[in-house]
Amino acid sequence: MPVYAISRGIYAIGGPELSFPLDAFSYIIKLNRKYLVVDTGTGLGFPNILSNILELKVDIKDISYVIITHCHVDHAGGTHLFYKVGLPIIMHEKDALAVRTGDPKRTASDILNLTFNPSPVTICVRSDTEISVNGKDITILHTPGHTPGSISVYLEVYDKKVIIIGDILDGLRREWLSNSNDWKKSINKVLELDFDIILAGHFYRRGRSKNLFYDALRRGPLWMN
């Protein structure tokens, strides 16, 4: 299946119907003449993700960063392949060790019966951080709960405010070092922002839909064990 245009300059390049059935969504975002990739899938769909990038006529050298929202294999399993083609990898330090070592429990690769290939991480952030791509400001927010090092990405793309949240709305598990108090704080942190588009690990939504976050808070955290 070809790439999916979510909004101007925002494309899904990986996911269950785009790259591999177990992949979470991977996104590529155009920022002037440079690009940002968020999440890499399991790695098993990497040839398809690469093909989708080329379909957009994007030169790999024009991708400034690959940001990994958290260490789970469906989001981070392909990190080593992006690193091998020379792209800098950004993660929060609290999830980076699991990616560097391929820890099967922390990366949830044991649950999906997959092998996690360890990968270097180029840049580890410790707190909320600002980066710039070709003059465009990007905010990396520490939004733990689902995992200790979960991050969200907040930026503006062609006058649309975009929040990329990984799996911060998803279930919690002790093996992942999940934390319900952090989960609530992170959701409230996102709710303080104004956004037009939500890009999550397993869905995307156009429109100012904060109800997803309010509904999650009302429901409470879903512990999976």
N, C-alpha and C. Protein backbone atom coordinates (compact mmCIF):
# COMPACT_ATOMS: atom_id res chain seq x y z
N MET A 1 0.85 -1.19 0.00
CA MET A 1 0.00 0.00 0.00
C MET A 1 0.88 1.25 0.00
N PRO A 2 0.55 2.27 -0.78
CA PRO A 2 1.38 3.46 -0.83
C PRO A 2 1.29 4.26 0.46
N VAL A 3 2.14 5.30 0.55
CA VAL A 3 2.13 6.18 1.71
C VAL A 3 0.76 6.84 1.83
N TYR A 4 0.44 7.27 3.05
CA TYR A 4 -0.85 7.92 3.28
C TYR A 4 -0.61 9.35 3.72
N ALA A 5 -1.18 10.29 2.98
CA ALA A 5 -1.06 11.70 3.33
C ALA A 5 -2.11 12.04 4.37
N ILE A 6 -1.65 12.44 5.56
CA ILE A 6 -2.56 12.80 6.66
C ILE A 6 -2.94 14.26 6.58
N SER A 7 -1.97 15.09 6.28
CA SER A 7 -2.18 16.52 6.10
C SER A 7 -1.01 17.01 5.26
N ARG A 8 -1.05 18.25 4.87
CA ARG A 8 0.05 18.78 4.06
C ARG A 8 1.38 18.63 4.81
N GLY A 9 2.31 17.93 4.19
CA GLY A 9 3.63 17.74 4.79
C GLY A 9 3.72 16.64 5.81
N ILE A 10 2.63 15.90 6.06
CA ILE A 10 2.62 14.83 7.07
C ILE A 10 2.15 13.54 6.41
N TYR A 11 2.98 12.50 6.51
CA TYR A 11 2.67 11.24 5.85
C TYR A 11 2.91 10.06 6.79
N ALA A 12 2.03 9.07 6.71
CA ALA A 12 2.29 7.78 7.35
C ALA A 12 3.07 6.94 6.35
N ILE A 13 4.26 6.48 6.75
CA ILE A 13 5.10 5.69 5.86
C ILE A 13 5.25 4.25 6.34
N GLY A 14 4.77 3.97 7.54
CA GLY A 14 4.82 2.61 8.08
C GLY A 14 3.61 2.37 8.94
N GLY A 15 3.25 1.11 9.10
CA GLY A 15 2.08 0.74 9.88
C GLY A 15 1.58 -0.61 9.42
N PRO A 16 0.52 -1.11 10.04
CA PRO A 16 0.04 -2.47 9.74
C PRO A 16 -0.24 -2.72 8.26
N GLU A 17 -0.78 -1.74 7.56
CA GLU A 17 -1.11 -1.92 6.15
C GLU A 17 -0.10 -1.25 5.22
N LEU A 18 0.93 -0.65 5.80
CA LEU A 18 1.91 0.08 5.01
C LEU A 18 3.27 -0.60 4.96
N SER A 19 3.62 -1.33 6.01
CA SER A 19 4.96 -1.90 6.06
C SER A 19 4.97 -3.34 6.57
N PHE A 20 4.38 -3.59 7.77
CA PHE A 20 4.38 -4.92 8.37
C PHE A 20 3.23 -4.98 9.37
N PRO A 21 2.52 -6.12 9.46
CA PRO A 21 1.33 -6.18 10.31
C PRO A 21 1.53 -5.79 11.77
N LEU A 22 2.71 -5.99 12.33
CA LEU A 22 2.94 -5.68 13.74
C LEU A 22 3.56 -4.30 13.96
N ASP A 23 3.77 -3.56 12.88
CA ASP A 23 4.36 -2.23 13.01
C ASP A 23 3.34 -1.22 13.55
N ALA A 24 3.78 -0.39 14.49
CA ALA A 24 3.03 0.83 14.80
C ALA A 24 3.26 1.81 13.66
N PHE A 25 2.50 2.90 13.66
CA PHE A 25 2.68 3.87 12.59
C PHE A 25 4.04 4.56 12.69
N SER A 26 4.66 4.72 11.55
CA SER A 26 5.84 5.58 11.39
C SER A 26 5.41 6.77 10.56
N TYR A 27 5.91 7.93 10.93
CA TYR A 27 5.52 9.16 10.24
C TYR A 27 6.75 9.88 9.70
N ILE A 28 6.57 10.54 8.57
CA ILE A 28 7.59 11.45 8.07
C ILE A 28 6.94 12.82 7.90
N ILE A 29 7.66 13.84 8.32
CA ILE A 29 7.12 15.20 8.34
C ILE A 29 8.08 16.12 7.60
N LYS A 30 7.53 16.90 6.68
CA LYS A 30 8.35 17.83 5.91
C LYS A 30 8.45 19.15 6.64
N LEU A 31 9.67 19.62 6.82
CA LEU A 31 9.95 20.88 7.50
C LEU A 31 10.84 21.70 6.59
N ASN A 32 10.22 22.58 5.80
CA ASN A 32 10.90 23.27 4.71
C ASN A 32 11.49 22.22 3.78
N ARG A 33 12.80 22.19 3.61
CA ARG A 33 13.39 21.20 2.69
C ARG A 33 14.01 20.02 3.43
N LYS A 34 13.78 19.93 4.72
CA LYS A 34 14.28 18.81 5.51
C LYS A 34 13.11 18.01 6.05
N TYR A 35 13.42 16.85 6.67
CA TYR A 35 12.38 15.94 7.12
C TYR A 35 12.70 15.39 8.50
N LEU A 36 11.65 15.00 9.18
CA LEU A 36 11.73 14.36 10.48
C LEU A 36 10.96 13.05 10.40
N VAL A 37 11.56 11.96 10.87
CA VAL A 37 10.87 10.66 10.96
C VAL A 37 10.61 10.37 12.43
N VAL A 38 9.41 9.90 12.71
CA VAL A 38 9.06 9.51 14.08
C VAL A 38 8.64 8.04 14.08
N ASP A 39 9.38 7.24 14.83
CA ASP A 39 9.20 5.80 15.02
C ASP A 39 9.54 4.99 13.77
N THR A 40 9.95 3.74 14.01
CA THR A 40 10.56 2.94 12.94
C THR A 40 9.89 1.60 12.70
N GLY A 41 8.84 1.26 13.47
CA GLY A 41 8.25 -0.06 13.35
C GLY A 41 9.17 -1.14 13.92
N THR A 42 8.83 -2.39 13.64
CA THR A 42 9.58 -3.53 14.19
C THR A 42 10.93 -3.75 13.52
N GLY A 43 11.11 -3.17 12.36
CA GLY A 43 12.29 -3.44 11.54
C GLY A 43 11.98 -4.43 10.44
N LEU A 44 10.97 -5.28 10.64
CA LEU A 44 10.62 -6.27 9.63
C LEU A 44 9.98 -5.63 8.40
N GLY A 45 9.46 -4.44 8.57
CA GLY A 45 8.88 -3.71 7.45
C GLY A 45 9.78 -2.63 6.90
N PHE A 46 11.06 -2.63 7.29
CA PHE A 46 11.97 -1.56 6.87
C PHE A 46 12.07 -1.39 5.36
N PRO A 47 12.17 -2.48 4.57
CA PRO A 47 12.23 -2.28 3.11
C PRO A 47 11.01 -1.53 2.57
N ASN A 48 9.84 -1.82 3.14
CA ASN A 48 8.64 -1.12 2.69
C ASN A 48 8.63 0.34 3.13
N ILE A 49 9.10 0.60 4.36
CA ILE A 49 9.20 1.98 4.83
C ILE A 49 10.17 2.75 3.95
N LEU A 50 11.30 2.15 3.65
CA LEU A 50 12.30 2.80 2.79
C LEU A 50 11.72 3.07 1.40
N SER A 51 10.99 2.10 0.88
CA SER A 51 10.33 2.29 -0.42
C SER A 51 9.34 3.44 -0.38
N ASN A 52 8.61 3.55 0.74
CA ASN A 52 7.62 4.62 0.87
C ASN A 52 8.30 5.99 0.97
N ILE A 53 9.45 6.03 1.65
CA ILE A 53 10.21 7.28 1.71
C ILE A 53 10.66 7.69 0.30
N LEU A 54 11.14 6.72 -0.45
CA LEU A 54 11.60 7.01 -1.81
C LEU A 54 10.44 7.39 -2.71
N GLU A 55 9.27 6.81 -2.46
CA GLU A 55 8.08 7.17 -3.24
C GLU A 55 7.75 8.65 -3.10
N LEU A 56 8.04 9.19 -1.92
CA LEU A 56 7.83 10.62 -1.69
C LEU A 56 8.94 11.48 -2.27
N LYS A 57 9.90 10.79 -2.91
CA LYS A 57 11.06 11.48 -3.51
C LYS A 57 11.88 12.21 -2.45
N VAL A 58 11.98 11.58 -1.29
CA VAL A 58 12.79 12.13 -0.20
C VAL A 58 14.16 11.46 -0.24
N ASP A 59 15.20 12.25 -0.25
CA ASP A 59 16.56 11.75 -0.15
C ASP A 59 16.85 11.47 1.33
N ILE A 60 17.35 10.29 1.63
CA ILE A 60 17.66 9.92 3.02
C ILE A 60 18.52 10.99 3.69
N LYS A 61 19.41 11.61 2.93
CA LYS A 61 20.31 12.63 3.49
C LYS A 61 19.55 13.87 3.95
N ASP A 62 18.30 14.02 3.51
CA ASP A 62 17.51 15.18 3.91
C ASP A 62 16.67 14.92 5.16
N ILE A 63 16.80 13.72 5.75
CA ILE A 63 16.14 13.43 7.02
C ILE A 63 17.08 13.87 8.14
N SER A 64 16.64 14.84 8.91
CA SER A 64 17.52 15.42 9.94
C SER A 64 17.63 14.53 11.18
N TYR A 65 16.48 13.97 11.62
CA TYR A 65 16.47 13.14 12.82
C TYR A 65 15.43 12.04 12.69
N VAL A 66 15.67 10.96 13.43
CA VAL A 66 14.65 9.94 13.68
C VAL A 66 14.37 9.99 15.18
N ILE A 67 13.14 10.32 15.54
CA ILE A 67 12.76 10.39 16.94
C ILE A 67 11.97 9.13 17.29
N ILE A 68 12.34 8.47 18.39
CA ILE A 68 11.68 7.26 18.85
C ILE A 68 10.84 7.62 20.08
N THR A 69 9.52 7.43 19.99
CA THR A 69 8.65 7.85 21.08
C THR A 69 8.82 7.00 22.34
N HIS A 70 9.16 5.72 22.19
CA HIS A 70 9.46 4.87 23.34
C HIS A 70 10.07 3.57 22.85
N CYS A 71 10.47 2.74 23.78
CA CYS A 71 11.36 1.61 23.46
C CYS A 71 10.66 0.36 22.95
N HIS A 72 9.35 0.32 22.84
CA HIS A 72 8.67 -0.92 22.45
C HIS A 72 8.98 -1.29 21.01
N VAL A 73 9.06 -2.59 20.77
CA VAL A 73 9.55 -3.11 19.50
C VAL A 73 8.73 -2.66 18.30
N ASP A 74 7.43 -2.47 18.47
CA ASP A 74 6.61 -2.06 17.32
C ASP A 74 6.87 -0.62 16.92
N HIS A 75 7.54 0.14 17.80
CA HIS A 75 7.91 1.52 17.52
C HIS A 75 9.41 1.68 17.27
N ALA A 76 10.21 0.86 17.91
CA ALA A 76 11.67 1.08 17.94
C ALA A 76 12.48 -0.08 17.38
N GLY A 77 11.83 -1.13 16.94
CA GLY A 77 12.57 -2.32 16.49
C GLY A 77 13.41 -2.09 15.26
N GLY A 78 13.06 -1.10 14.46
CA GLY A 78 13.84 -0.81 13.26
C GLY A 78 14.88 0.27 13.44
N THR A 79 15.10 0.70 14.67
CA THR A 79 16.03 1.80 14.94
C THR A 79 17.42 1.50 14.40
N HIS A 80 17.90 0.27 14.58
CA HIS A 80 19.25 -0.07 14.15
C HIS A 80 19.43 0.10 12.64
N LEU A 81 18.35 -0.11 11.89
CA LEU A 81 18.44 0.00 10.43
C LEU A 81 18.52 1.46 9.99
N PHE A 82 17.78 2.33 10.67
CA PHE A 82 17.89 3.76 10.37
C PHE A 82 19.25 4.29 10.80
N TYR A 83 19.77 3.78 11.91
CA TYR A 83 21.10 4.19 12.36
C TYR A 83 22.16 3.76 11.34
N LYS A 84 21.99 2.56 10.79
CA LYS A 84 22.98 2.05 9.83
C LYS A 84 23.03 2.87 8.55
N VAL A 85 21.93 3.51 8.18
CA VAL A 85 21.97 4.35 6.98
C VAL A 85 22.43 5.77 7.31
N GLY A 86 22.85 5.99 8.56
CA GLY A 86 23.51 7.23 8.92
C GLY A 86 22.64 8.30 9.52
N LEU A 87 21.45 7.93 10.02
CA LEU A 87 20.55 8.93 10.56
C LEU A 87 20.69 9.03 12.08
N PRO A 88 20.70 10.25 12.63
CA PRO A 88 20.78 10.42 14.09
C PRO A 88 19.48 10.01 14.76
N ILE A 89 19.60 9.29 15.86
CA ILE A 89 18.46 8.76 16.60
C ILE A 89 18.30 9.55 17.89
N ILE A 90 17.07 10.02 18.17
CA ILE A 90 16.78 10.74 19.41
C ILE A 90 15.79 9.93 20.24
N MET A 91 16.10 9.76 21.52
CA MET A 91 15.22 9.10 22.49
C MET A 91 15.40 9.75 23.84
N HIS A 92 14.47 9.44 24.75
CA HIS A 92 14.69 9.80 26.15
C HIS A 92 15.63 8.77 26.78
N GLU A 93 16.50 9.25 27.65
CA GLU A 93 17.52 8.38 28.23
C GLU A 93 16.91 7.21 29.03
N LYS A 94 15.70 7.38 29.59
CA LYS A 94 15.12 6.33 30.41
C LYS A 94 14.61 5.14 29.59
N ASP A 95 14.48 5.31 28.28
CA ASP A 95 14.14 4.18 27.42
C ASP A 95 15.30 3.76 26.53
N ALA A 96 16.32 4.59 26.45
CA ALA A 96 17.42 4.34 25.52
C ALA A 96 18.19 3.06 25.85
N LEU A 97 18.38 2.77 27.14
CA LEU A 97 19.14 1.58 27.52
C LEU A 97 18.48 0.31 27.00
N ALA A 98 17.15 0.26 27.06
CA ALA A 98 16.44 -0.92 26.56
C ALA A 98 16.68 -1.12 25.07
N VAL A 99 16.77 -0.02 24.32
CA VAL A 99 17.03 -0.12 22.88
C VAL A 99 18.49 -0.49 22.63
N ARG A 100 19.37 0.05 23.43
CA ARG A 100 20.80 -0.26 23.24
C ARG A 100 21.13 -1.72 23.57
N THR A 101 20.36 -2.32 24.48
CA THR A 101 20.64 -3.69 24.90
C THR A 101 19.68 -4.71 24.29
N GLY A 102 18.54 -4.24 23.74
CA GLY A 102 17.54 -5.16 23.20
C GLY A 102 16.79 -5.91 24.28
N ASP A 103 16.64 -5.32 25.45
CA ASP A 103 15.96 -5.96 26.58
C ASP A 103 14.58 -6.47 26.16
N PRO A 104 14.34 -7.79 26.19
CA PRO A 104 13.08 -8.33 25.66
C PRO A 104 11.84 -7.93 26.44
N LYS A 105 11.97 -7.73 27.75
CA LYS A 105 10.80 -7.34 28.55
C LYS A 105 10.50 -5.86 28.39
N ARG A 106 11.52 -5.03 28.53
CA ARG A 106 11.31 -3.59 28.41
C ARG A 106 10.82 -3.20 27.02
N THR A 107 11.29 -3.91 26.00
CA THR A 107 10.90 -3.57 24.63
C THR A 107 9.62 -4.27 24.19
N ALA A 108 9.06 -5.13 25.05
CA ALA A 108 7.84 -5.89 24.74
C ALA A 108 8.04 -6.85 23.58
N SER A 109 9.28 -7.12 23.20
CA SER A 109 9.51 -8.07 22.11
C SER A 109 9.19 -9.49 22.53
N ASP A 110 9.24 -9.77 23.84
CA ASP A 110 8.87 -11.11 24.31
C ASP A 110 7.39 -11.36 24.10
N ILE A 111 6.56 -10.35 24.30
CA ILE A 111 5.11 -10.51 24.13
C ILE A 111 4.75 -10.78 22.67
N LEU A 112 5.44 -10.09 21.76
CA LEU A 112 5.15 -10.23 20.34
C LEU A 112 5.96 -11.34 19.68
N ASN A 113 6.78 -12.03 20.50
CA ASN A 113 7.60 -13.14 20.00
C ASN A 113 8.52 -12.67 18.86
N LEU A 114 9.14 -11.52 19.07
CA LEU A 114 10.05 -10.96 18.09
C LEU A 114 11.44 -10.79 18.71
N THR A 115 12.44 -10.72 17.88
CA THR A 115 13.79 -10.40 18.34
C THR A 115 14.02 -8.90 18.19
N PHE A 116 14.50 -8.28 19.26
CA PHE A 116 14.82 -6.85 19.19
C PHE A 116 16.32 -6.72 18.93
N ASN A 117 16.66 -6.17 17.78
CA ASN A 117 18.07 -5.94 17.45
C ASN A 117 18.54 -4.66 18.12
N PRO A 118 19.53 -4.74 19.02
CA PRO A 118 19.99 -3.55 19.73
C PRO A 118 20.47 -2.47 18.77
N SER A 119 20.35 -1.23 19.21
CA SER A 119 20.77 -0.11 18.37
C SER A 119 21.42 0.98 19.21
N PRO A 120 22.44 1.63 18.68
CA PRO A 120 22.93 2.85 19.33
C PRO A 120 21.84 3.92 19.30
N VAL A 121 21.93 4.83 20.24
CA VAL A 121 21.07 6.02 20.27
C VAL A 121 22.00 7.23 20.24
N THR A 122 21.79 8.10 19.27
CA THR A 122 22.73 9.20 19.05
C THR A 122 22.57 10.31 20.09
N ILE A 123 21.32 10.68 20.36
CA ILE A 123 21.04 11.79 21.27
C ILE A 123 20.03 11.33 22.31
N CYS A 124 20.39 11.43 23.58
CA CYS A 124 19.47 11.12 24.67
C CYS A 124 19.03 12.42 25.34
N VAL A 125 17.72 12.60 25.42
CA VAL A 125 17.20 13.77 26.13
C VAL A 125 16.83 13.36 27.55
N ARG A 126 16.88 14.32 28.46
CA ARG A 126 16.60 14.04 29.87
C ARG A 126 15.33 14.72 30.36
N SER A 127 14.89 15.73 29.65
CA SER A 127 13.72 16.50 30.06
C SER A 127 13.12 17.13 28.81
N ASP A 128 12.14 17.98 28.97
CA ASP A 128 11.57 18.68 27.82
C ASP A 128 12.69 19.42 27.09
N THR A 129 12.72 19.27 25.77
CA THR A 129 13.86 19.75 24.98
C THR A 129 13.38 20.39 23.69
N GLU A 130 14.04 21.44 23.28
CA GLU A 130 13.77 22.08 21.99
C GLU A 130 14.87 21.71 21.00
N ILE A 131 14.46 21.30 19.80
CA ILE A 131 15.41 21.12 18.72
C ILE A 131 14.91 21.91 17.52
N SER A 132 15.76 22.07 16.53
CA SER A 132 15.39 22.82 15.33
C SER A 132 15.76 22.01 14.10
N VAL A 133 14.84 22.00 13.13
CA VAL A 133 15.10 21.37 11.84
C VAL A 133 14.86 22.41 10.77
N ASN A 134 15.95 22.83 10.14
CA ASN A 134 15.87 23.79 9.04
C ASN A 134 15.07 25.05 9.43
N GLY A 135 15.31 25.52 10.65
CA GLY A 135 14.65 26.73 11.12
C GLY A 135 13.29 26.52 11.76
N LYS A 136 12.81 25.28 11.78
CA LYS A 136 11.53 24.96 12.40
C LYS A 136 11.76 24.43 13.80
N ASP A 137 11.09 25.04 14.80
CA ASP A 137 11.25 24.61 16.19
C ASP A 137 10.38 23.40 16.48
N ILE A 138 10.95 22.46 17.21
CA ILE A 138 10.26 21.23 17.60
C ILE A 138 10.46 21.04 19.09
N THR A 139 9.38 20.76 19.79
CA THR A 139 9.45 20.52 21.23
C THR A 139 9.30 19.03 21.50
N ILE A 140 10.28 18.48 22.20
CA ILE A 140 10.22 17.10 22.66
C ILE A 140 9.81 17.13 24.12
N LEU A 141 8.68 16.52 24.43
CA LEU A 141 8.13 16.52 25.78
C LEU A 141 8.32 15.17 26.43
N HIS A 142 8.78 15.16 27.66
CA HIS A 142 8.86 13.90 28.41
C HIS A 142 7.47 13.59 28.93
N THR A 143 6.87 12.50 28.44
CA THR A 143 5.50 12.13 28.83
C THR A 143 5.48 10.66 29.28
N PRO A 144 6.08 10.38 30.44
CA PRO A 144 6.17 9.00 30.92
C PRO A 144 4.82 8.47 31.40
N GLY A 145 4.82 7.19 31.66
CA GLY A 145 3.62 6.51 32.14
C GLY A 145 3.54 5.14 31.50
N HIS A 146 3.33 5.13 30.20
CA HIS A 146 3.34 3.87 29.44
C HIS A 146 4.71 3.20 29.59
N THR A 147 5.76 3.98 29.41
CA THR A 147 7.13 3.59 29.75
C THR A 147 7.80 4.79 30.43
N PRO A 148 8.90 4.58 31.14
CA PRO A 148 9.55 5.71 31.84
C PRO A 148 10.09 6.77 30.90
N GLY A 149 10.47 6.37 29.69
CA GLY A 149 11.09 7.31 28.76
C GLY A 149 10.21 7.68 27.59
N SER A 150 8.91 7.51 27.72
CA SER A 150 8.01 7.90 26.63
C SER A 150 8.10 9.41 26.39
N ILE A 151 8.12 9.77 25.12
CA ILE A 151 8.14 11.19 24.77
C ILE A 151 7.04 11.50 23.75
N SER A 152 6.65 12.77 23.72
CA SER A 152 5.74 13.28 22.71
C SER A 152 6.45 14.40 21.97
N VAL A 153 6.00 14.64 20.75
CA VAL A 153 6.64 15.65 19.90
C VAL A 153 5.59 16.67 19.50
N TYR A 154 5.89 17.94 19.71
CA TYR A 154 4.95 19.03 19.42
C TYR A 154 5.60 19.98 18.43
N LEU A 155 4.90 20.25 17.33
CA LEU A 155 5.45 21.10 16.29
C LEU A 155 4.34 21.66 15.42
N GLU A 156 4.71 22.60 14.58
CA GLU A 156 3.76 23.19 13.64
C GLU A 156 4.18 22.84 12.22
N VAL A 157 3.22 22.34 11.45
CA VAL A 157 3.50 21.93 10.07
C VAL A 157 2.47 22.60 9.16
N TYR A 158 2.95 23.52 8.33
CA TYR A 158 2.06 24.26 7.43
C TYR A 158 0.83 24.81 8.17
N ASP A 159 1.10 25.54 9.23
CA ASP A 159 0.08 26.23 10.03
C ASP A 159 -0.83 25.29 10.83
N LYS A 160 -0.53 24.01 10.86
CA LYS A 160 -1.27 23.06 11.68
C LYS A 160 -0.40 22.68 12.88
N LYS A 161 -0.98 22.76 14.07
CA LYS A 161 -0.27 22.34 15.27
C LYS A 161 -0.46 20.84 15.47
N VAL A 162 0.65 20.15 15.62
CA VAL A 162 0.65 18.69 15.61
C VAL A 162 1.23 18.17 16.92
N ILE A 163 0.57 17.17 17.51
CA ILE A 163 1.12 16.47 18.68
C ILE A 163 1.28 15.00 18.31
N ILE A 164 2.47 14.49 18.51
CA ILE A 164 2.78 13.08 18.24
C ILE A 164 2.97 12.42 19.60
N ILE A 165 2.15 11.42 19.91
CA ILE A 165 2.06 10.95 21.30
C ILE A 165 2.52 9.51 21.52
N GLY A 166 2.95 8.80 20.48
CA GLY A 166 3.32 7.40 20.70
C GLY A 166 2.17 6.63 21.30
N ASP A 167 2.42 5.97 22.42
CA ASP A 167 1.39 5.15 23.08
C ASP A 167 1.01 5.69 24.45
N ILE A 168 1.08 6.99 24.67
CA ILE A 168 0.84 7.48 26.04
C ILE A 168 -0.59 7.23 26.51
N LEU A 169 -1.52 6.99 25.59
CA LEU A 169 -2.90 6.69 25.99
C LEU A 169 -3.13 5.20 26.20
N ASP A 170 -2.13 4.39 25.93
CA ASP A 170 -2.32 2.94 25.93
C ASP A 170 -2.08 2.32 27.30
N GLY A 171 -2.16 0.98 27.34
CA GLY A 171 -2.11 0.23 28.58
C GLY A 171 -0.76 0.28 29.28
N LEU A 172 -0.77 -0.13 30.53
CA LEU A 172 0.41 -0.14 31.39
C LEU A 172 0.74 -1.58 31.78
N ARG A 173 2.01 -1.80 32.04
CA ARG A 173 2.46 -3.14 32.41
C ARG A 173 3.68 -3.02 33.32
N ARG A 174 3.73 -3.84 34.35
CA ARG A 174 4.82 -3.74 35.32
C ARG A 174 6.18 -4.02 34.69
N GLU A 175 6.23 -4.98 33.75
CA GLU A 175 7.50 -5.30 33.09
C GLU A 175 8.05 -4.13 32.30
N TRP A 176 7.18 -3.19 31.93
CA TRP A 176 7.61 -2.01 31.18
C TRP A 176 7.98 -0.86 32.11
N LEU A 177 7.88 -1.08 33.42
CA LEU A 177 8.10 -0.04 34.43
C LEU A 177 7.10 1.11 34.28
N SER A 178 5.88 0.75 33.88
CA SER A 178 4.81 1.74 33.74
C SER A 178 4.46 2.34 35.09
N ASN A 179 3.87 3.53 35.05
CA ASN A 179 3.51 4.23 36.28
C ASN A 179 2.21 4.99 36.06
N SER A 180 1.19 4.68 36.84
CA SER A 180 -0.13 5.27 36.63
C SER A 180 -0.16 6.76 36.97
N ASN A 181 0.58 7.19 38.00
CA ASN A 181 0.62 8.61 38.33
C ASN A 181 1.27 9.42 37.21
N ASP A 182 2.38 8.90 36.69
CA ASP A 182 3.03 9.57 35.56
C ASP A 182 2.12 9.61 34.35
N TRP A 183 1.38 8.53 34.12
CA TRP A 183 0.43 8.44 33.00
C TRP A 183 -0.57 9.60 33.06
N LYS A 184 -1.15 9.82 34.23
CA LYS A 184 -2.13 10.91 34.39
C LYS A 184 -1.47 12.27 34.18
N LYS A 185 -0.30 12.47 34.75
CA LYS A 185 0.39 13.75 34.60
C LYS A 185 0.73 14.03 33.14
N SER A 186 1.13 12.99 32.42
CA SER A 186 1.50 13.18 31.02
C SER A 186 0.29 13.54 30.16
N ILE A 187 -0.84 12.91 30.42
CA ILE A 187 -2.04 13.24 29.67
C ILE A 187 -2.46 14.68 29.95
N ASN A 188 -2.40 15.09 31.21
CA ASN A 188 -2.73 16.47 31.55
C ASN A 188 -1.74 17.46 30.92
N LYS A 189 -0.50 17.04 30.80
CA LYS A 189 0.52 17.88 30.16
C LYS A 189 0.18 18.13 28.69
N VAL A 190 -0.25 17.08 28.01
CA VAL A 190 -0.64 17.22 26.60
C VAL A 190 -1.89 18.08 26.48
N LEU A 191 -2.80 17.95 27.42
CA LEU A 191 -4.04 18.72 27.37
C LEU A 191 -3.81 20.23 27.51
N GLU A 192 -2.66 20.62 28.02
CA GLU A 192 -2.34 22.04 28.13
C GLU A 192 -2.00 22.66 26.77
N LEU A 193 -1.76 21.81 25.77
CA LEU A 193 -1.35 22.28 24.45
C LEU A 193 -2.55 22.47 23.54
N ASP A 194 -2.35 23.30 22.54
CA ASP A 194 -3.35 23.47 21.48
C ASP A 194 -2.87 22.68 20.27
N PHE A 195 -3.72 21.84 19.71
CA PHE A 195 -3.29 21.04 18.55
C PHE A 195 -4.45 20.78 17.61
N ASP A 196 -4.10 20.63 16.34
CA ASP A 196 -5.07 20.37 15.28
C ASP A 196 -5.02 18.92 14.80
N ILE A 197 -3.89 18.25 15.01
CA ILE A 197 -3.70 16.89 14.52
C ILE A 197 -3.03 16.06 15.61
N ILE A 198 -3.56 14.86 15.83
CA ILE A 198 -2.95 13.89 16.76
C ILE A 198 -2.37 12.75 15.94
N LEU A 199 -1.10 12.49 16.13
CA LEU A 199 -0.45 11.33 15.51
C LEU A 199 -0.05 10.38 16.64
N ALA A 200 -0.68 9.23 16.71
CA ALA A 200 -0.39 8.25 17.77
C ALA A 200 0.22 7.00 17.14
N GLY A 201 0.62 6.09 18.00
CA GLY A 201 1.25 4.88 17.51
C GLY A 201 0.33 3.99 16.72
N HIS A 202 -0.97 4.03 17.05
CA HIS A 202 -1.90 3.10 16.42
C HIS A 202 -3.14 3.78 15.85
N PHE A 203 -3.10 5.09 15.78
CA PHE A 203 -4.17 5.83 15.12
C PHE A 203 -3.69 7.25 14.86
N TYR A 204 -4.42 7.98 14.03
CA TYR A 204 -4.18 9.40 13.85
C TYR A 204 -5.54 10.06 13.74
N ARG A 205 -5.58 11.32 14.09
CA ARG A 205 -6.85 12.03 14.14
C ARG A 205 -6.66 13.47 13.70
N ARG A 206 -7.40 13.89 12.70
CA ARG A 206 -7.41 15.29 12.31
C ARG A 206 -8.54 16.00 13.06
N GLY A 207 -8.30 17.23 13.46
CA GLY A 207 -9.32 17.97 14.21
C GLY A 207 -8.94 18.08 15.67
N ARG A 208 -9.47 19.08 16.31
CA ARG A 208 -9.11 19.36 17.71
C ARG A 208 -9.89 18.45 18.64
N SER A 209 -9.38 17.26 18.81
CA SER A 209 -10.10 16.22 19.55
C SER A 209 -9.43 15.93 20.88
N LYS A 210 -9.65 16.79 21.86
CA LYS A 210 -9.09 16.55 23.19
C LYS A 210 -9.92 15.54 23.97
N ASN A 211 -11.10 15.21 23.43
CA ASN A 211 -11.95 14.25 24.14
C ASN A 211 -11.27 12.91 24.35
N LEU A 212 -10.39 12.53 23.45
CA LEU A 212 -9.65 11.27 23.60
C LEU A 212 -8.89 11.25 24.92
N PHE A 213 -8.30 12.39 25.26
CA PHE A 213 -7.49 12.48 26.47
C PHE A 213 -8.38 12.57 27.71
N TYR A 214 -9.46 13.35 27.61
CA TYR A 214 -10.38 13.43 28.74
C TYR A 214 -11.04 12.08 29.00
N ASP A 215 -11.39 11.37 27.95
CA ASP A 215 -12.00 10.04 28.11
C ASP A 215 -11.03 9.08 28.79
N ALA A 216 -9.75 9.16 28.42
CA ALA A 216 -8.75 8.29 29.04
C ALA A 216 -8.62 8.59 30.53
N LEU A 217 -8.62 9.86 30.88
CA LEU A 217 -8.53 10.23 32.29
C LEU A 217 -9.74 9.73 33.07
N ARG A 218 -10.92 9.85 32.47
CA ARG A 218 -12.13 9.36 33.15
C ARG A 218 -12.10 7.85 33.32
N ARG A 219 -11.61 7.17 32.32
CA ARG A 219 -11.53 5.71 32.36
C ARG A 219 -10.48 5.23 33.35
N GLY A 220 -9.37 5.96 33.39
CA GLY A 220 -8.27 5.57 34.24
C GLY A 220 -7.32 4.65 33.51
N PRO A 221 -6.14 4.45 34.06
CA PRO A 221 -5.13 3.61 33.39
C PRO A 221 -5.57 2.15 33.31
N LEU A 222 -5.24 1.53 32.19
CA LEU A 222 -5.56 0.12 31.97
C LEU A 222 -4.32 -0.72 32.22
N TRP A 223 -4.30 -1.38 33.35
CA TRP A 223 -3.14 -2.24 33.67
C TRP A 223 -3.34 -3.60 32.99
N MET A 224 -2.31 -4.06 32.30
CA MET A 224 -2.40 -5.30 31.52
C MET A 224 -1.90 -6.51 32.30
N ASN A 225 -1.43 -6.31 33.53
CA ASN A 225 -1.05 -7.44 34.39
C ASN A 225 -1.09 -6.98 35.84
